[in-house]
Amino acid sequence: MKKFLSVVTLGLFLFSSNAFAEDNKGLNVVLTANDAQTQMMAMVLSMMTIKQKKAVNITLCSSAGDLAVKGKESPLLKPKNKSPKMLLQGLIKSGAKVEVCPLFLPNANLDKSVLLDGITVANPQNVAKQLLNSDFTTLSY
């Protein structure tokens, strides 16, 4: 009986800690690259993370900020003939949090009205806090 209770307790501990980990881990992506293939890799890895039921936070800065702007083109890439912008919009629909860095809009002479639906301007304090969250892996492109 003692052995049975030990096994049950261990099982409950592993289940609860695994469930906790599932809810609290994810990916931070800081994307500044202008290169479409680099942007696409960031989007593909973000999508694979979402499909694993993990949270994804994307911050677009510099040239990558153009992905957030209505009417800006993003090239179609093989083999799926999709663009980084198309994947970004799919990520937003799937629950990814997407922001542009606060320097992007004023330095591109733009305002919030040009941003795609679901994209906001990042708060540096919140981004720093998220980047320091050890439950998340951070990728920078």
Protein backbone atom coordinates (compact mmCIF):
# COMPACT_ATOMS: atom_id res chain seq x y z
CA MET A 1 0.00 0.00 0.00
CA LYS A 2 2.85 2.35 0.86
CA LYS A 3 4.49 1.67 -2.52
CA PHE A 4 1.16 2.28 -4.28
CA LEU A 5 0.70 5.64 -2.53
CA SER A 6 4.27 6.63 -3.44
CA VAL A 7 3.65 5.82 -7.10
CA VAL A 8 0.33 7.71 -7.12
CA THR A 9 1.93 10.73 -5.41
CA LEU A 10 4.83 10.73 -7.87
CA GLY A 11 2.40 10.42 -10.78
CA LEU A 12 0.31 13.34 -9.53
CA PHE A 13 3.43 15.43 -9.02
CA LEU A 14 4.70 14.69 -12.55
CA PHE A 15 1.28 15.32 -14.07
CA SER A 16 0.77 18.60 -12.24
CA SER A 17 4.27 19.89 -12.93
CA ASN A 18 3.98 18.88 -16.60
CA ALA A 19 0.59 20.59 -16.90
CA PHE A 20 2.06 23.68 -15.26
CA ALA A 21 4.96 23.68 -17.69
CA GLU A 22 2.58 23.34 -20.63
CA ASP A 23 0.72 26.47 -19.55
CA ASN A 24 3.75 28.58 -18.79
CA LYS A 25 6.36 28.04 -21.46
CA GLY A 26 6.72 29.54 -24.84
CA LEU A 27 8.78 31.52 -27.30
CA ASN A 28 9.81 35.16 -27.56
CA VAL A 29 10.84 36.27 -31.05
CA VAL A 30 12.58 39.57 -31.69
CA LEU A 31 12.66 40.13 -35.44
CA THR A 32 14.61 42.95 -37.08
CA ALA A 33 15.80 41.26 -40.28
CA ASN A 34 14.76 42.63 -43.65
CA ASP A 35 15.51 39.34 -45.43
CA ALA A 36 12.28 37.50 -46.35
CA GLN A 37 13.75 34.03 -45.80
CA THR A 38 14.93 34.99 -42.31
CA GLN A 39 11.52 36.47 -41.55
CA MET A 40 9.85 33.30 -42.83
CA MET A 41 12.01 31.08 -40.61
CA ALA A 42 10.97 33.15 -37.60
CA MET A 43 7.31 32.74 -38.58
CA VAL A 44 7.61 29.00 -39.26
CA LEU A 45 9.27 28.31 -35.90
CA SER A 46 6.67 30.49 -34.18
CA MET A 47 3.86 28.55 -35.88
CA MET A 48 5.40 25.22 -34.85
CA THR A 49 5.56 26.55 -31.27
CA ILE A 50 1.87 27.56 -31.35
CA LYS A 51 0.97 24.10 -32.69
CA GLN A 52 2.66 22.64 -29.60
CA LYS A 53 0.24 24.70 -27.48
CA LYS A 54 2.94 27.13 -26.33
CA ALA A 55 2.67 30.91 -26.10
CA VAL A 56 4.42 33.08 -28.71
CA ASN A 57 5.38 36.74 -28.32
CA ILE A 58 6.76 38.51 -31.40
CA THR A 59 8.34 41.95 -31.38
CA LEU A 60 8.96 43.48 -34.81
CA CYS A 61 11.61 46.18 -35.03
CA SER A 62 13.49 48.05 -37.73
CA SER A 63 12.89 46.67 -41.25
CA ALA A 64 10.82 43.76 -39.94
CA GLY A 65 8.29 46.31 -38.71
CA ASP A 66 7.11 46.57 -42.32
CA LEU A 67 5.43 43.17 -41.84
CA ALA A 68 3.00 44.91 -39.47
CA VAL A 69 2.00 47.65 -41.91
CA LYS A 70 -1.17 47.42 -44.01
CA GLY A 71 -0.43 47.52 -47.73
CA LYS A 72 3.29 46.72 -47.45
CA GLU A 73 4.16 43.75 -49.64
CA SER A 74 5.91 40.62 -48.44
CA PRO A 75 7.28 38.19 -51.09
CA LEU A 76 5.89 34.70 -51.59
CA LEU A 77 8.43 32.00 -50.79
CA LYS A 78 8.68 28.40 -51.91
CA PRO A 79 7.76 25.65 -51.30
CA LYS A 80 4.36 26.76 -49.93
CA ASN A 81 4.06 30.04 -51.91
CA LYS A 82 3.31 31.96 -48.74
CA SER A 83 4.82 35.16 -47.44
CA PRO A 84 6.14 36.00 -43.98
CA LYS A 85 3.25 38.46 -43.67
CA MET A 86 0.72 35.70 -44.42
CA LEU A 87 2.21 33.51 -41.70
CA LEU A 88 2.30 36.46 -39.30
CA GLN A 89 -1.42 37.01 -39.81
CA GLY A 90 -2.04 33.30 -39.22
CA LEU A 91 -0.02 33.49 -36.01
CA ILE A 92 -2.15 36.39 -34.79
CA LYS A 93 -5.32 34.39 -35.50
CA SER A 94 -3.78 31.46 -33.60
CA GLY A 95 -3.14 33.57 -30.51
CA ALA A 96 0.39 34.92 -30.89
CA LYS A 97 1.01 38.32 -29.33
CA VAL A 98 2.56 40.59 -31.96
CA GLU A 99 3.92 44.07 -31.32
CA VAL A 100 6.09 46.61 -33.08
CA CYS A 101 8.86 48.22 -31.10
CA PRO A 102 8.02 51.76 -29.99
CA LEU A 103 10.75 53.23 -32.21
CA PHE A 104 9.39 51.78 -35.43
CA LEU A 105 6.34 53.94 -36.16
CA PRO A 106 7.76 57.40 -35.38
CA ASN A 107 10.98 56.68 -37.27
CA ALA A 108 9.03 55.44 -40.30
CA ASN A 109 6.80 58.54 -40.12
CA LEU A 110 3.78 56.33 -39.45
CA ASP A 111 1.13 56.04 -36.74
CA LYS A 112 -0.85 53.21 -35.14
CA SER A 113 -3.57 53.41 -37.79
CA VAL A 114 -1.32 51.62 -40.32
CA LEU A 115 -0.89 48.50 -38.18
CA LEU A 116 -2.59 45.26 -39.16
CA ASP A 117 -5.43 44.12 -36.90
CA GLY A 118 -4.09 42.42 -33.79
CA ILE A 119 -0.73 44.23 -33.75
CA THR A 120 0.03 46.83 -31.10
CA VAL A 121 2.95 49.02 -30.04
CA ALA A 122 5.20 47.36 -27.48
CA ASN A 123 5.84 48.74 -24.01
CA PRO A 124 9.62 48.42 -23.42
CA GLN A 125 9.18 47.58 -19.74
CA ASN A 126 6.81 44.71 -20.59
CA VAL A 127 9.04 43.42 -23.39
CA ALA A 128 12.07 43.42 -21.08
CA LYS A 129 10.09 41.56 -18.43
CA GLN A 130 9.00 38.94 -20.96
CA LEU A 131 12.53 38.54 -22.35
CA LEU A 132 13.79 37.88 -18.83
CA ASN A 133 11.08 35.29 -18.14
CA SER A 134 13.00 32.02 -17.81
CA ASP A 135 9.91 30.02 -18.82
CA PHE A 136 10.36 31.35 -22.38
CA THR A 137 13.05 30.75 -24.97
CA THR A 138 14.11 33.87 -26.87
CA LEU A 139 15.10 33.89 -30.54
CA SER A 140 16.39 36.98 -32.25
CA TYR A 141 16.64 37.38 -35.99
